[in-house]
Amino acid sequence: MSKNYWLAAAVLLAATLPAQAQTQTPAQDQPPQQTQQTQDSTAQMAAACKAIPPPQADGAVRPPPDFNSGYCWGAFTSLQSAATARDERNHALLGACVPADTTRMQLIGAFTRYADEHADLAQKDYFTTALAALREAWPCKAAHSLLP
């Protein structure tokens, strides 16, 4: 195609952009409202995690196909990797000595029990509560933790 074609297309596009911008209503200029509530609080994450059924007879876990269950499952997938990680001196990175063979459902169970027992943490960030739950469920001996 010729350069003149591309130049004409660019001029036409540029000419229509200001007209389109002027026809937008103020609501269109605003960022979209979030329709899905975020799961940052302990209470919200605990509720989402409690919706995941226990493992089936074959050991498989099948979370419901909804946002909240997926959010819990994904959050604890990441936490599981971090919780079992050790440094080169075999120190637990998160201050909880979670065995490598601990299942995700065991981590979720420790979190939901801890959240139920500590209602005062309901509005706190779930990650902080999850760390406290893991440290309580799987405490480290002083020699195996990076934390004092």
N, C-alpha and C. Protein backbone atom coordinates (compact mmCIF):
# COMPACT_ATOMS: atom_id res chain seq x y z
N MET A 1 0.84 -1.18 0.00
CA MET A 1 0.00 0.00 0.00
C MET A 1 0.88 1.24 0.00
N SER A 2 0.33 2.30 -0.52
CA SER A 2 1.12 3.51 -0.66
C SER A 2 1.21 4.25 0.66
N LYS A 3 2.22 5.12 0.74
CA LYS A 3 2.39 5.94 1.93
C LYS A 3 1.21 6.87 2.11
N ASN A 4 0.63 7.34 0.99
CA ASN A 4 -0.51 8.25 1.07
C ASN A 4 -1.71 7.58 1.73
N TYR A 5 -1.91 6.26 1.50
CA TYR A 5 -3.01 5.55 2.13
C TYR A 5 -2.84 5.54 3.65
N TRP A 6 -1.66 5.21 4.12
CA TRP A 6 -1.40 5.15 5.57
C TRP A 6 -1.49 6.54 6.19
N LEU A 7 -1.04 7.55 5.48
CA LEU A 7 -1.13 8.92 5.98
C LEU A 7 -2.59 9.34 6.09
N ALA A 8 -3.39 9.03 5.11
CA ALA A 8 -4.81 9.38 5.14
C ALA A 8 -5.52 8.64 6.28
N ALA A 9 -5.18 7.37 6.49
CA ALA A 9 -5.79 6.60 7.56
C ALA A 9 -5.42 7.19 8.92
N ALA A 10 -4.17 7.59 9.09
CA ALA A 10 -3.73 8.18 10.35
C ALA A 10 -4.41 9.51 10.61
N VAL A 11 -4.57 10.35 9.58
CA VAL A 11 -5.23 11.64 9.73
C VAL A 11 -6.70 11.43 10.09
N LEU A 12 -7.36 10.49 9.43
CA LEU A 12 -8.76 10.20 9.72
C LEU A 12 -8.92 9.71 11.15
N LEU A 13 -8.05 8.83 11.57
CA LEU A 13 -8.11 8.32 12.93
C LEU A 13 -7.89 9.45 13.94
N ALA A 14 -6.90 10.27 13.71
CA ALA A 14 -6.61 11.38 14.62
C ALA A 14 -7.78 12.36 14.67
N ALA A 15 -8.44 12.56 13.56
CA ALA A 15 -9.56 13.51 13.52
C ALA A 15 -10.76 12.99 14.30
N THR A 16 -10.93 11.68 14.37
CA THR A 16 -12.10 11.14 15.05
C THR A 16 -11.87 10.96 16.55
N LEU A 17 -10.64 10.84 16.99
CA LEU A 17 -10.38 10.63 18.42
C LEU A 17 -10.90 11.76 19.30
N PRO A 18 -10.63 13.03 19.02
CA PRO A 18 -11.15 14.08 19.89
C PRO A 18 -12.67 14.09 19.93
N ALA A 19 -13.31 13.80 18.81
CA ALA A 19 -14.77 13.79 18.79
C ALA A 19 -15.30 12.67 19.67
N GLN A 20 -14.66 11.53 19.66
CA GLN A 20 -15.09 10.42 20.51
C GLN A 20 -14.87 10.77 21.98
N ALA A 21 -13.78 11.40 22.30
CA ALA A 21 -13.48 11.74 23.69
C ALA A 21 -14.51 12.74 24.22
N GLN A 22 -14.97 13.68 23.39
CA GLN A 22 -15.93 14.68 23.83
C GLN A 22 -17.31 14.08 24.06
N THR A 23 -17.62 12.96 23.44
CA THR A 23 -18.95 12.39 23.59
C THR A 23 -19.06 11.45 24.79
N GLN A 24 -17.94 11.20 25.48
CA GLN A 24 -18.00 10.32 26.64
C GLN A 24 -18.67 11.03 27.80
N THR A 25 -19.42 10.28 28.55
CA THR A 25 -20.04 10.82 29.75
C THR A 25 -19.04 10.76 30.90
N PRO A 26 -19.23 11.56 31.94
CA PRO A 26 -18.29 11.52 33.06
C PRO A 26 -18.12 10.12 33.65
N ALA A 27 -19.16 9.29 33.65
CA ALA A 27 -19.05 7.94 34.20
C ALA A 27 -18.05 7.10 33.41
N GLN A 28 -17.96 7.34 32.11
CA GLN A 28 -17.03 6.59 31.28
C GLN A 28 -15.59 7.00 31.56
N ASP A 29 -15.38 8.20 32.06
CA ASP A 29 -14.03 8.66 32.37
C ASP A 29 -13.52 8.09 33.69
N GLN A 30 -14.41 7.55 34.49
CA GLN A 30 -14.04 7.01 35.79
C GLN A 30 -13.55 5.57 35.63
N PRO A 31 -12.65 5.12 36.53
CA PRO A 31 -12.25 3.72 36.46
C PRO A 31 -13.45 2.82 36.76
N PRO A 32 -13.45 1.62 36.20
CA PRO A 32 -14.60 0.73 36.42
C PRO A 32 -14.71 0.34 37.89
N GLN A 33 -15.92 0.22 38.35
CA GLN A 33 -16.17 -0.22 39.72
C GLN A 33 -15.84 -1.70 39.80
N GLN A 34 -15.24 -2.12 40.88
CA GLN A 34 -14.98 -3.54 41.06
C GLN A 34 -16.27 -4.22 41.49
N THR A 35 -16.61 -5.26 40.79
CA THR A 35 -17.82 -5.99 41.14
C THR A 35 -17.50 -7.17 42.05
N GLN A 36 -16.27 -7.61 42.04
CA GLN A 36 -15.88 -8.74 42.88
C GLN A 36 -15.11 -8.21 44.08
N GLN A 37 -15.55 -8.57 45.27
CA GLN A 37 -14.90 -8.12 46.48
C GLN A 37 -13.54 -8.80 46.60
N THR A 38 -12.52 -8.07 47.00
CA THR A 38 -11.21 -8.66 47.16
C THR A 38 -11.16 -9.47 48.45
N GLN A 39 -10.22 -10.36 48.51
CA GLN A 39 -10.13 -11.30 49.62
C GLN A 39 -8.95 -10.98 50.52
N ASP A 40 -8.73 -9.75 50.84
CA ASP A 40 -7.55 -9.38 51.61
C ASP A 40 -7.68 -9.60 53.10
N SER A 41 -8.87 -9.62 53.65
CA SER A 41 -9.00 -9.77 55.10
C SER A 41 -9.02 -11.25 55.49
N THR A 42 -8.66 -11.48 56.73
CA THR A 42 -8.67 -12.84 57.26
C THR A 42 -10.07 -13.44 57.16
N ALA A 43 -11.09 -12.69 57.53
CA ALA A 43 -12.47 -13.21 57.49
C ALA A 43 -12.88 -13.57 56.07
N GLN A 44 -12.56 -12.73 55.10
CA GLN A 44 -12.94 -13.00 53.71
C GLN A 44 -12.21 -14.23 53.17
N MET A 45 -10.91 -14.33 53.44
CA MET A 45 -10.15 -15.47 52.94
C MET A 45 -10.60 -16.75 53.64
N ALA A 46 -10.85 -16.69 54.94
CA ALA A 46 -11.30 -17.88 55.67
C ALA A 46 -12.63 -18.38 55.10
N ALA A 47 -13.54 -17.47 54.82
CA ALA A 47 -14.84 -17.87 54.24
C ALA A 47 -14.64 -18.51 52.87
N ALA A 48 -13.76 -17.94 52.07
CA ALA A 48 -13.49 -18.50 50.74
C ALA A 48 -12.88 -19.88 50.85
N CYS A 49 -11.96 -20.05 51.80
CA CYS A 49 -11.29 -21.34 51.96
C CYS A 49 -12.21 -22.41 52.51
N LYS A 50 -13.15 -22.02 53.36
CA LYS A 50 -14.07 -23.00 53.93
C LYS A 50 -15.03 -23.55 52.89
N ALA A 51 -15.14 -22.89 51.74
CA ALA A 51 -16.01 -23.38 50.67
C ALA A 51 -15.38 -24.53 49.89
N ILE A 52 -14.09 -24.76 50.11
CA ILE A 52 -13.41 -25.85 49.42
C ILE A 52 -13.68 -27.14 50.19
N PRO A 53 -14.25 -28.14 49.53
CA PRO A 53 -14.58 -29.39 50.24
C PRO A 53 -13.32 -30.17 50.60
N PRO A 54 -13.42 -31.05 51.59
CA PRO A 54 -12.26 -31.87 51.97
C PRO A 54 -11.86 -32.80 50.82
N PRO A 55 -10.66 -33.35 50.89
CA PRO A 55 -10.21 -34.26 49.83
C PRO A 55 -11.16 -35.45 49.68
N GLN A 56 -11.27 -35.93 48.46
CA GLN A 56 -12.11 -37.09 48.18
C GLN A 56 -11.37 -38.36 48.58
N ALA A 57 -12.01 -39.49 48.46
CA ALA A 57 -11.42 -40.76 48.88
C ALA A 57 -10.08 -41.03 48.20
N ASP A 58 -9.94 -40.58 46.95
CA ASP A 58 -8.68 -40.80 46.23
C ASP A 58 -7.62 -39.74 46.56
N GLY A 59 -7.96 -38.83 47.49
CA GLY A 59 -7.02 -37.79 47.89
C GLY A 59 -7.10 -36.52 47.06
N ALA A 60 -7.87 -36.55 45.99
CA ALA A 60 -7.97 -35.38 45.11
C ALA A 60 -8.86 -34.31 45.75
N VAL A 61 -8.45 -33.09 45.56
CA VAL A 61 -9.23 -31.95 46.03
C VAL A 61 -9.79 -31.27 44.79
N ARG A 62 -11.08 -31.02 44.82
CA ARG A 62 -11.74 -30.38 43.68
C ARG A 62 -12.45 -29.12 44.17
N PRO A 63 -11.72 -28.00 44.16
CA PRO A 63 -12.36 -26.75 44.58
C PRO A 63 -13.51 -26.39 43.66
N PRO A 64 -14.56 -25.78 44.20
CA PRO A 64 -15.66 -25.33 43.33
C PRO A 64 -15.13 -24.35 42.29
N PRO A 65 -15.72 -24.33 41.11
CA PRO A 65 -15.24 -23.45 40.04
C PRO A 65 -15.77 -22.02 40.20
N ASP A 66 -15.43 -21.37 41.32
CA ASP A 66 -15.85 -19.99 41.51
C ASP A 66 -14.65 -19.15 41.92
N PHE A 67 -14.81 -17.85 41.83
CA PHE A 67 -13.70 -16.93 42.09
C PHE A 67 -13.12 -17.10 43.49
N ASN A 68 -13.97 -17.11 44.51
CA ASN A 68 -13.47 -17.14 45.88
C ASN A 68 -12.69 -18.41 46.19
N SER A 69 -13.19 -19.55 45.77
CA SER A 69 -12.46 -20.80 45.99
C SER A 69 -11.13 -20.78 45.24
N GLY A 70 -11.17 -20.28 44.03
CA GLY A 70 -9.94 -20.17 43.24
C GLY A 70 -8.94 -19.22 43.86
N TYR A 71 -9.44 -18.15 44.44
CA TYR A 71 -8.54 -17.19 45.10
C TYR A 71 -7.85 -17.84 46.29
N CYS A 72 -8.61 -18.56 47.11
CA CYS A 72 -8.04 -19.27 48.25
C CYS A 72 -7.02 -20.30 47.77
N TRP A 73 -7.42 -21.10 46.80
CA TRP A 73 -6.55 -22.17 46.30
C TRP A 73 -5.26 -21.59 45.74
N GLY A 74 -5.36 -20.53 44.99
CA GLY A 74 -4.17 -19.90 44.42
C GLY A 74 -3.28 -19.27 45.47
N ALA A 75 -3.88 -18.60 46.44
CA ALA A 75 -3.10 -17.97 47.51
C ALA A 75 -2.32 -19.01 48.29
N PHE A 76 -2.95 -20.13 48.59
CA PHE A 76 -2.27 -21.16 49.37
C PHE A 76 -1.34 -22.02 48.52
N THR A 77 -1.49 -21.98 47.21
CA THR A 77 -0.51 -22.62 46.33
C THR A 77 0.82 -21.89 46.47
N SER A 78 0.77 -20.57 46.41
CA SER A 78 1.98 -19.77 46.57
C SER A 78 2.55 -19.90 47.98
N LEU A 79 1.67 -19.84 48.96
CA LEU A 79 2.11 -19.93 50.35
C LEU A 79 2.74 -21.29 50.63
N GLN A 80 2.23 -22.35 50.01
CA GLN A 80 2.78 -23.68 50.21
C GLN A 80 4.23 -23.72 49.73
N SER A 81 4.51 -23.14 48.60
CA SER A 81 5.88 -23.13 48.09
C SER A 81 6.80 -22.36 49.01
N ALA A 82 6.34 -21.21 49.47
CA ALA A 82 7.17 -20.39 50.35
C ALA A 82 7.31 -21.01 51.73
N ALA A 83 6.25 -21.64 52.24
CA ALA A 83 6.27 -22.18 53.59
C ALA A 83 7.22 -23.36 53.74
N THR A 84 7.45 -24.09 52.68
CA THR A 84 8.33 -25.25 52.77
C THR A 84 9.75 -24.93 52.31
N ALA A 85 9.99 -23.70 51.91
CA ALA A 85 11.31 -23.30 51.41
C ALA A 85 12.31 -23.16 52.57
N ARG A 86 13.53 -23.52 52.29
CA ARG A 86 14.63 -23.41 53.26
C ARG A 86 15.81 -22.72 52.59
N ASP A 87 16.60 -22.04 53.40
CA ASP A 87 17.80 -21.44 52.85
C ASP A 87 18.93 -22.47 52.85
N GLU A 88 20.12 -22.04 52.45
CA GLU A 88 21.26 -22.97 52.34
C GLU A 88 21.69 -23.56 53.68
N ARG A 89 21.29 -22.94 54.79
CA ARG A 89 21.62 -23.46 56.13
C ARG A 89 20.45 -24.22 56.74
N ASN A 90 19.44 -24.53 55.92
CA ASN A 90 18.25 -25.27 56.33
C ASN A 90 17.34 -24.48 57.27
N HIS A 91 17.38 -23.16 57.18
CA HIS A 91 16.49 -22.31 57.97
C HIS A 91 15.19 -22.10 57.21
N ALA A 92 14.08 -22.22 57.93
CA ALA A 92 12.77 -21.97 57.32
C ALA A 92 12.65 -20.48 57.00
N LEU A 93 12.33 -20.17 55.78
CA LEU A 93 12.29 -18.77 55.34
C LEU A 93 11.16 -17.97 55.97
N LEU A 94 10.03 -18.62 56.24
CA LEU A 94 8.88 -17.89 56.80
C LEU A 94 8.74 -18.07 58.31
N GLY A 95 9.69 -18.74 58.93
CA GLY A 95 9.62 -18.92 60.37
C GLY A 95 8.68 -20.02 60.82
N ALA A 96 8.24 -20.84 59.90
CA ALA A 96 7.40 -22.00 60.21
C ALA A 96 8.10 -23.20 59.59
N CYS A 97 8.26 -24.25 60.34
CA CYS A 97 8.95 -25.45 59.84
C CYS A 97 7.93 -26.44 59.28
N VAL A 98 7.36 -26.05 58.18
CA VAL A 98 6.35 -26.85 57.50
C VAL A 98 7.06 -27.96 56.73
N PRO A 99 6.72 -29.22 57.02
CA PRO A 99 7.35 -30.32 56.28
C PRO A 99 7.03 -30.25 54.79
N ALA A 100 7.96 -30.70 53.98
CA ALA A 100 7.81 -30.64 52.53
C ALA A 100 6.60 -31.42 52.03
N ASP A 101 6.18 -32.45 52.77
CA ASP A 101 5.04 -33.26 52.31
C ASP A 101 3.69 -32.76 52.83
N THR A 102 3.67 -31.58 53.43
CA THR A 102 2.42 -31.00 53.92
C THR A 102 1.54 -30.64 52.72
N THR A 103 0.27 -31.01 52.80
CA THR A 103 -0.64 -30.73 51.69
C THR A 103 -1.19 -29.31 51.79
N ARG A 104 -1.66 -28.84 50.68
CA ARG A 104 -2.27 -27.51 50.64
C ARG A 104 -3.50 -27.46 51.55
N MET A 105 -4.27 -28.55 51.58
CA MET A 105 -5.45 -28.59 52.45
C MET A 105 -5.05 -28.54 53.92
N GLN A 106 -3.91 -29.09 54.29
CA GLN A 106 -3.45 -28.98 55.67
C GLN A 106 -3.11 -27.52 56.00
N LEU A 107 -2.50 -26.82 55.07
CA LEU A 107 -2.20 -25.39 55.28
C LEU A 107 -3.49 -24.60 55.42
N ILE A 108 -4.44 -24.86 54.54
CA ILE A 108 -5.72 -24.16 54.59
C ILE A 108 -6.44 -24.47 55.90
N GLY A 109 -6.39 -25.73 56.33
CA GLY A 109 -7.01 -26.11 57.59
C GLY A 109 -6.39 -25.39 58.78
N ALA A 110 -5.06 -25.29 58.80
CA ALA A 110 -4.38 -24.58 59.88
C ALA A 110 -4.80 -23.11 59.90
N PHE A 111 -4.90 -22.52 58.71
CA PHE A 111 -5.31 -21.12 58.61
C PHE A 111 -6.74 -20.90 59.09
N THR A 112 -7.67 -21.72 58.63
CA THR A 112 -9.07 -21.51 59.01
C THR A 112 -9.30 -21.77 60.50
N ARG A 113 -8.63 -22.76 61.05
CA ARG A 113 -8.74 -23.00 62.51
C ARG A 113 -8.21 -21.81 63.29
N TYR A 114 -7.05 -21.31 62.87
CA TYR A 114 -6.44 -20.17 63.55
C TYR A 114 -7.34 -18.94 63.44
N ALA A 115 -7.90 -18.72 62.27
CA ALA A 115 -8.80 -17.58 62.06
C ALA A 115 -10.03 -17.70 62.96
N ASP A 116 -10.58 -18.91 63.09
CA ASP A 116 -11.73 -19.13 63.96
C ASP A 116 -11.39 -18.88 65.43
N GLU A 117 -10.19 -19.25 65.83
CA GLU A 117 -9.76 -19.10 67.22
C GLU A 117 -9.33 -17.67 67.56
N HIS A 118 -9.09 -16.87 66.54
CA HIS A 118 -8.62 -15.49 66.74
C HIS A 118 -9.53 -14.51 66.00
N ALA A 119 -10.75 -14.43 66.45
CA ALA A 119 -11.75 -13.56 65.80
C ALA A 119 -11.30 -12.10 65.76
N ASP A 120 -10.43 -11.71 66.67
CA ASP A 120 -9.93 -10.34 66.68
C ASP A 120 -9.09 -10.01 65.45
N LEU A 121 -8.69 -11.03 64.69
CA LEU A 121 -7.88 -10.82 63.49
C LEU A 121 -8.72 -10.78 62.21
N ALA A 122 -10.03 -10.83 62.34
CA ALA A 122 -10.92 -10.94 61.18
C ALA A 122 -10.67 -9.86 60.13
N GLN A 123 -10.38 -8.65 60.54
CA GLN A 123 -10.19 -7.56 59.57
C GLN A 123 -8.72 -7.34 59.22
N LYS A 124 -7.83 -8.13 59.78
CA LYS A 124 -6.40 -8.02 59.46
C LYS A 124 -6.12 -8.71 58.13
N ASP A 125 -5.00 -8.37 57.54
CA ASP A 125 -4.58 -8.96 56.29
C ASP A 125 -4.44 -10.48 56.45
N TYR A 126 -5.01 -11.23 55.54
CA TYR A 126 -4.99 -12.69 55.67
C TYR A 126 -3.59 -13.27 55.65
N PHE A 127 -2.67 -12.67 54.91
CA PHE A 127 -1.32 -13.22 54.79
C PHE A 127 -0.61 -13.21 56.14
N THR A 128 -0.75 -12.12 56.87
CA THR A 128 -0.15 -12.03 58.20
C THR A 128 -0.76 -13.09 59.13
N THR A 129 -2.06 -13.26 59.05
CA THR A 129 -2.73 -14.28 59.86
C THR A 129 -2.28 -15.67 59.44
N ALA A 130 -2.15 -15.91 58.15
CA ALA A 130 -1.72 -17.22 57.66
C ALA A 130 -0.32 -17.55 58.17
N LEU A 131 0.57 -16.57 58.15
CA LEU A 131 1.93 -16.81 58.67
C LEU A 131 1.89 -17.18 60.14
N ALA A 132 1.10 -16.46 60.93
CA ALA A 132 0.97 -16.77 62.35
C ALA A 132 0.40 -18.17 62.55
N ALA A 133 -0.57 -18.54 61.72
CA ALA A 133 -1.18 -19.88 61.82
C ALA A 133 -0.15 -20.96 61.52
N LEU A 134 0.65 -20.76 60.49
CA LEU A 134 1.67 -21.75 60.13
C LEU A 134 2.73 -21.85 61.21
N ARG A 135 3.12 -20.73 61.77
CA ARG A 135 4.14 -20.74 62.83
C ARG A 135 3.63 -21.44 64.08
N GLU A 136 2.33 -21.32 64.35
CA GLU A 136 1.76 -22.02 65.49
C GLU A 136 1.61 -23.51 65.21
N ALA A 137 1.17 -23.87 64.02
CA ALA A 137 0.94 -25.27 63.67
C ALA A 137 2.25 -26.04 63.48
N TRP A 138 3.26 -25.38 62.93
CA TRP A 138 4.54 -26.01 62.65
C TRP A 138 5.68 -25.14 63.20
N PRO A 139 5.80 -25.05 64.51
CA PRO A 139 6.85 -24.19 65.09
C PRO A 139 8.24 -24.74 64.78
N CYS A 140 9.18 -23.83 64.69
CA CYS A 140 10.57 -24.21 64.45
C CYS A 140 11.34 -24.19 65.76
N LYS A 141 12.35 -25.02 65.82
CA LYS A 141 13.32 -24.89 66.89
C LYS A 141 14.15 -23.67 66.52
N ALA A 142 14.67 -22.99 67.49
CA ALA A 142 15.40 -21.74 67.23
C ALA A 142 16.49 -21.90 66.18
N ALA A 143 17.13 -23.04 66.13
CA ALA A 143 18.23 -23.25 65.19
C ALA A 143 17.76 -23.39 63.75
N HIS A 144 16.45 -23.59 63.53
CA HIS A 144 15.96 -23.83 62.17
C HIS A 144 15.14 -22.68 61.59
N SER A 145 15.10 -21.56 62.28
CA SER A 145 14.30 -20.44 61.81
C SER A 145 15.17 -19.22 61.63
N LEU A 146 14.84 -18.43 60.65
CA LEU A 146 15.53 -17.15 60.45
C LEU A 146 15.03 -16.12 61.44
N LEU A 147 13.87 -16.38 62.05
CA LEU A 147 13.28 -15.43 62.99
C LEU A 147 13.85 -15.68 64.38
N PRO A 148 13.94 -14.62 65.20
CA PRO A 148 14.48 -14.81 66.57
C PRO A 148 13.55 -15.64 67.43
